Protein backbone atom coordinates (compact mmCIF):
# COMPACT_ATOMS: atom_id res chain seq x y z
CA MET A 1 10.65 -17.65 -5.02
CA ARG A 2 9.47 -15.54 -1.91
CA GLU A 3 7.65 -17.58 0.24
CA PRO A 4 4.43 -16.16 2.17
CA ILE A 5 5.41 -15.39 5.81
CA VAL A 6 2.14 -14.29 7.13
CA ALA A 7 -0.28 -16.71 5.62
CA GLY A 8 -2.20 -18.37 8.62
CA MET A 9 -1.66 -15.17 10.52
CA PHE A 10 -2.79 -12.16 8.64
CA TYR A 11 -4.94 -14.16 6.24
CA ASN A 12 -6.17 -17.65 5.78
CA LEU A 13 -3.56 -20.32 5.01
CA ASN A 14 -5.93 -22.66 3.11
CA LYS A 15 -6.72 -21.60 -0.67
CA GLU A 16 -10.59 -22.19 -0.33
CA ASN A 17 -10.99 -20.68 2.99
CA LEU A 18 -8.88 -17.54 1.78
CA ILE A 19 -11.11 -17.11 -0.86
CA LYS A 20 -14.10 -17.11 1.32
CA GLN A 21 -12.30 -14.71 3.70
CA ILE A 22 -11.68 -12.39 0.91
CA GLU A 23 -15.37 -12.51 -0.19
CA SER A 24 -16.42 -11.91 3.17
CA CYS A 25 -14.24 -8.62 3.28
CA PHE A 26 -16.21 -7.32 0.21
CA LYS A 27 -19.45 -8.35 1.90
CA HIS A 28 -18.60 -7.07 5.26
CA PRO A 29 -20.94 -4.17 6.67
CA LEU A 30 -17.70 -1.79 6.37
CA GLY A 31 -16.87 -3.23 2.91
CA PRO A 32 -17.80 -2.14 -0.51
CA GLY A 33 -20.29 -4.72 -1.50
CA GLU A 34 -20.07 -5.31 -5.36
CA ILE A 35 -16.98 -4.75 -7.65
CA LYS A 36 -17.20 -1.59 -9.63
CA GLU A 37 -13.88 -0.85 -11.43
CA LYS A 38 -12.84 2.77 -12.04
CA GLU A 39 -9.60 3.86 -13.49
CA PHE A 40 -6.91 5.41 -11.15
CA ILE A 41 -3.31 6.01 -11.00
CA ALA A 42 -2.45 5.09 -7.64
CA ALA A 43 -4.11 4.23 -4.45
CA VAL A 44 -3.29 4.05 -0.67
CA VAL A 45 -4.39 0.55 0.84
CA PRO A 46 -4.02 -0.89 4.37
CA HIS A 47 -2.02 -3.83 5.46
CA ALA A 48 -3.20 -5.23 8.72
CA GLY A 49 -4.73 -8.63 9.16
CA TYR A 50 -7.83 -9.27 7.17
CA THR A 51 -10.14 -9.53 10.19
CA TYR A 52 -9.17 -5.97 10.92
CA SER A 53 -8.42 -3.93 7.86
CA GLY A 54 -9.54 -6.40 5.07
CA PRO A 55 -13.06 -4.76 4.70
CA ILE A 56 -11.36 -1.40 4.13
CA ALA A 57 -8.81 -2.67 2.00
CA ALA A 58 -11.48 -4.24 -0.08
CA TRP A 59 -12.80 -0.87 -1.15
CA VAL A 60 -9.62 -0.14 -3.20
CA TYR A 61 -9.64 -3.70 -4.71
CA ALA A 62 -13.38 -3.45 -5.77
CA ARG A 63 -12.39 -0.43 -7.79
CA ILE A 64 -9.02 -1.53 -9.07
CA PRO A 65 -8.48 -2.22 -12.81
CA LYS A 66 -6.65 -5.18 -14.17
CA ALA A 67 -3.05 -3.97 -14.63
CA ASN A 68 0.31 -4.55 -13.36
CA TYR A 69 1.36 -2.97 -9.95
CA ILE A 70 4.17 -1.23 -8.44
CA ILE A 71 3.51 -2.04 -4.64
CA ILE A 72 5.45 0.08 -2.17
CA GLY A 73 5.36 -1.08 1.47
CA PRO A 74 7.11 0.23 4.80
CA ASN A 75 9.71 -1.87 6.16
CA HIS A 76 8.66 -2.39 9.68
CA ASN A 77 11.52 -4.44 10.77
CA LEU A 78 14.20 -1.83 9.62
CA ILE A 79 16.30 -4.59 8.05
CA GLY A 80 18.15 -4.33 4.75
CA SER A 81 18.29 -1.28 2.32
CA GLU A 82 16.42 1.82 2.85
CA PHE A 83 14.79 1.70 -0.54
CA ALA A 84 14.56 -1.83 -1.55
CA VAL A 85 13.46 -3.19 -5.00
CA PHE A 86 12.65 -7.04 -5.23
CA GLY A 87 14.22 -7.47 -8.64
CA LYS A 88 13.05 -10.86 -10.09
CA GLY A 89 11.38 -14.03 -9.44
CA THR A 90 8.00 -14.77 -7.99
CA TRP A 91 5.92 -14.30 -4.68
CA LYS A 92 4.00 -17.18 -3.65
CA THR A 93 0.40 -17.00 -1.79
CA PRO A 94 -2.20 -19.64 -0.94
CA LEU A 95 -3.68 -18.52 -4.30
CA GLY A 96 -0.67 -18.92 -6.66
CA ASP A 97 2.58 -17.26 -7.62
CA VAL A 98 2.84 -13.78 -8.91
CA LYS A 99 5.80 -12.78 -11.02
CA VAL A 100 8.06 -9.78 -10.71
CA ASN A 101 8.51 -7.66 -13.75
CA GLU A 102 12.23 -7.81 -13.87
CA LYS A 103 12.52 -5.22 -16.59
CA LEU A 104 10.81 -2.53 -14.90
CA ALA A 105 12.50 -3.28 -11.66
CA MET A 106 15.88 -3.13 -13.39
CA ARG A 107 15.23 0.22 -14.95
CA LEU A 108 14.19 1.75 -11.69
CA VAL A 109 17.42 0.59 -9.89
CA LYS A 110 19.43 1.78 -12.89
CA GLU A 111 17.94 5.31 -12.98
CA ASN A 112 18.10 6.04 -9.26
CA PRO A 113 20.81 5.56 -7.01
CA LEU A 114 18.71 5.52 -4.04
CA LEU A 115 17.02 2.35 -4.98
CA ASP A 116 18.92 -1.01 -4.52
CA PHE A 117 18.06 -4.67 -5.23
CA ASP A 118 17.66 -6.28 -1.94
CA ILE A 119 15.73 -9.31 -1.00
CA VAL A 120 16.60 -9.20 2.70
CA ALA A 121 14.39 -6.19 3.33
CA HIS A 122 11.29 -8.22 1.76
CA GLN A 123 11.89 -11.48 3.60
CA ASN A 124 10.03 -11.02 6.87
CA GLU A 125 8.04 -7.95 5.81
CA HIS A 126 4.25 -8.38 5.47
CA SER A 127 3.11 -4.99 3.99
CA ILE A 128 3.28 -5.88 0.36
CA GLU A 129 2.54 -9.71 0.83
CA VAL A 130 -0.98 -8.95 2.09
CA GLN A 131 -2.00 -7.24 -0.99
CA LEU A 132 -1.39 -9.89 -3.17
CA PRO A 133 -4.25 -12.35 -2.33
CA PHE A 134 -6.83 -9.47 -2.99
CA LEU A 135 -5.13 -8.99 -6.62
CA GLN A 136 -5.25 -12.59 -7.21
CA TYR A 137 -8.95 -12.90 -6.08
CA ARG A 138 -9.47 -10.43 -8.80
CA PHE A 139 -7.29 -11.15 -11.50
CA ASP A 140 -5.80 -14.77 -10.71
CA ASP A 141 -2.13 -14.63 -11.73
CA ASN A 142 -2.51 -12.43 -14.75
CA PHE A 143 -0.46 -9.52 -13.67
CA GLU A 144 2.90 -8.54 -12.68
CA ILE A 145 4.42 -6.77 -9.57
CA VAL A 146 7.30 -4.55 -8.76
CA PRO A 147 7.75 -4.74 -5.07
CA ILE A 148 9.55 -1.90 -3.20
CA SER A 149 10.14 -1.89 0.52
CA ILE A 150 11.20 1.50 2.27
CA ILE A 151 12.22 2.29 5.72
CA ASN A 152 10.05 5.07 7.42
CA GLN A 153 11.42 6.45 10.33
CA PHE A 154 11.04 10.09 10.59
CA PRO A 155 9.01 12.33 8.33
CA THR A 156 12.11 14.76 7.84
CA THR A 157 12.46 17.22 4.82
CA GLU A 158 15.42 15.18 3.54
CA PHE A 159 13.40 11.94 3.55
CA LEU A 160 10.59 13.68 1.74
CA GLU A 161 13.01 14.85 -0.85
CA GLN A 162 14.25 11.29 -1.34
CA CYS A 163 10.70 9.86 -1.68
CA GLN A 164 9.84 12.72 -4.31
CA VAL A 165 13.03 11.74 -6.39
CA ILE A 166 11.76 7.99 -6.25
CA GLY A 167 8.32 9.06 -7.25
CA LYS A 168 9.56 10.99 -10.05
CA THR A 169 11.74 8.15 -11.24
CA ILE A 170 8.73 5.74 -11.19
CA ALA A 171 6.69 8.13 -13.17
CA GLU A 172 9.22 8.64 -15.85
CA ALA A 173 9.64 4.79 -16.31
CA LEU A 174 5.73 4.34 -16.25
CA LYS A 175 5.29 6.94 -19.02
CA ASP A 176 6.97 4.48 -21.42
CA GLU A 177 4.89 1.43 -20.17
CA LYS A 178 1.04 0.67 -20.28
CA ASN A 179 -1.36 -0.56 -17.61
CA TRP A 180 0.55 -0.07 -14.36
CA VAL A 181 -0.95 1.19 -11.00
CA ILE A 182 0.93 2.31 -7.97
CA LEU A 183 -0.12 0.94 -4.62
CA ALA A 184 1.11 2.55 -1.48
CA SER A 185 0.59 0.17 1.44
CA SER A 186 -0.01 1.84 4.79
CA ASP A 187 -1.99 2.06 7.99
CA PHE A 188 -2.66 5.26 9.77
CA THR A 189 -2.72 6.12 13.44
CA HIS A 190 -1.58 3.33 15.70
CA TYR A 191 -2.86 2.58 19.24
CA GLU A 192 -4.66 5.74 20.10
CA PRO A 193 -8.08 6.36 21.52
CA TYR A 194 -10.77 6.22 19.07
CA ASP A 195 -11.83 9.84 18.83
CA TYR A 196 -8.19 11.10 18.48
CA ALA A 197 -7.34 8.56 15.79
CA VAL A 198 -10.22 9.41 13.83
CA MET A 199 -9.58 13.18 14.06
CA THR A 200 -6.08 13.12 13.37
CA ASP A 201 -6.27 10.53 10.49
CA LYS A 202 -8.83 12.84 8.67
CA TYR A 203 -6.50 15.71 9.17
CA PHE A 204 -3.77 13.56 7.40
CA ILE A 205 -6.16 12.28 4.81
CA LYS A 206 -7.18 15.95 3.81
CA ALA A 207 -3.51 16.66 2.73
CA ILE A 208 -3.47 13.33 0.73
CA GLU A 209 -6.70 14.10 -0.96
CA LYS A 210 -5.02 17.32 -1.95
CA LEU A 211 -1.98 15.53 -3.39
CA ASP A 212 0.04 17.73 -1.21
CA GLU A 213 2.97 15.45 -0.05
CA LYS A 214 4.85 18.26 1.87
CA GLU A 215 1.79 19.30 3.76
CA PHE A 216 1.26 15.68 4.72
CA PHE A 217 4.72 15.58 6.27
CA LEU A 218 4.35 18.90 7.98
CA ARG A 219 0.91 17.50 9.53
CA LEU A 220 2.79 14.14 10.47
CA GLN A 221 5.27 16.31 12.22
CA GLU A 222 2.80 18.65 13.83
CA LYS A 223 0.86 15.83 15.36
CA ARG A 224 3.60 13.44 15.84
CA GLY A 225 1.73 10.87 13.56
CA SER A 226 2.21 7.25 13.76
CA VAL A 227 1.26 6.41 10.04
CA CYS A 228 3.58 3.91 9.30
CA GLY A 229 3.77 4.10 5.51
CA PHE A 230 4.15 8.03 5.07
CA GLY A 231 7.06 7.52 2.80
CA THR A 232 5.01 5.02 0.36
CA ILE A 233 2.22 7.56 0.23
CA ALA A 234 4.67 10.40 -0.42
CA ILE A 235 6.25 8.47 -3.35
CA ALA A 236 2.78 7.54 -4.66
CA ILE A 237 1.55 11.04 -4.62
CA THR A 238 4.66 12.47 -6.22
CA ALA A 239 4.41 9.66 -9.15
CA ALA A 240 0.77 9.98 -9.60
CA LYS A 241 1.02 13.91 -10.00
CA GLN A 242 3.86 13.54 -12.67
CA LEU A 243 1.41 11.07 -14.40
CA GLY A 244 -1.37 13.54 -14.46
CA ALA A 245 -3.40 13.10 -11.31
CA LYS A 246 -5.29 15.83 -10.13
CA ASN A 247 -6.77 14.84 -6.66
CA GLY A 248 -7.25 11.91 -4.08
CA GLU A 249 -10.59 10.51 -3.06
CA LEU A 250 -11.21 8.85 0.40
CA LEU A 251 -13.36 5.79 -0.50
CA LYS A 252 -13.56 4.44 3.14
CA TYR A 253 -12.20 5.18 6.60
CA ALA A 254 -12.59 2.97 9.66
CA THR A 255 -10.41 1.78 12.66
CA SER A 256 -9.88 -1.36 14.39
CA GLY A 257 -12.26 -0.35 16.95
CA ASP A 258 -15.20 -0.24 14.37
CA ILE A 259 -14.38 -4.00 13.76
CA THR A 260 -13.85 -5.18 17.29
CA GLY A 261 -15.72 -2.80 19.26
CA ASP A 262 -12.88 -1.83 21.52
CA LYS A 263 -12.25 1.86 21.09
CA THR A 264 -9.52 2.36 23.71
CA ALA A 265 -6.47 1.84 21.47
CA VAL A 266 -7.20 1.70 17.94
CA VAL A 267 -5.40 1.38 14.51
CA GLY A 268 -6.70 3.48 11.57
CA TYR A 269 -7.28 2.05 8.10
CA ALA A 270 -8.09 4.13 4.72
CA SER A 271 -8.65 3.31 1.28
CA ILE A 272 -7.63 6.21 -1.00
CA VAL A 273 -7.68 6.41 -4.87
CA ILE A 274 -5.54 8.87 -6.72
CA ARG A 275 -6.61 9.89 -9.96
């Protein structure tokens, strides 16, 4: 069992208080309000503390259909395998336990030599964990996950090609499955003045909405972007296109400055669906 490592920090440790915290994300002035499900193949969703990015993340979770989920998160600690699959067992949160789909995890690793079974990469990483309480709030424990943690260092051509290969492997596997959604966990620009962060993030998001992962990487290089999960996004775009996606749609963008009022050095957050 993978124990939670940011409960009590990124989100509430107490079950009842966590439910109230998630509800407040939906009802927040920057949140989506009510739940309105829409079908989509993949999504980009932030992973900061719920106080900061929760209302923006709630936009994806207000739309997300009941399914199983491949959740791809950046490995901020740079520990473990570069492309690390958590292969079996459960992930625990204050809202219960979520089971890993061992069959699909096994198939992905078997079919792509870039992917490894590695729990070390997941042990102290929050980017996947923080997605689970939102999913549990919507669907209790009636879903399964395949967590994939990847090390994002530089948006090079070689790394993009690796992400594209993994995206194609995921798509091929999901063509034989039913009811799976791909979630790419990522925040956007980090610790820049508000106006600059908004401008550059909108520039990056335009490439994502066009489902052009190559252009996305070129824009990251051009602006020396600090999007922490650029690889997760490239994998999700590639897989979604292979599964028939035609475009992306920005549901909501905001920054930490919109939450706190301090706009001197902000982090950008976006909820984007791909269908």
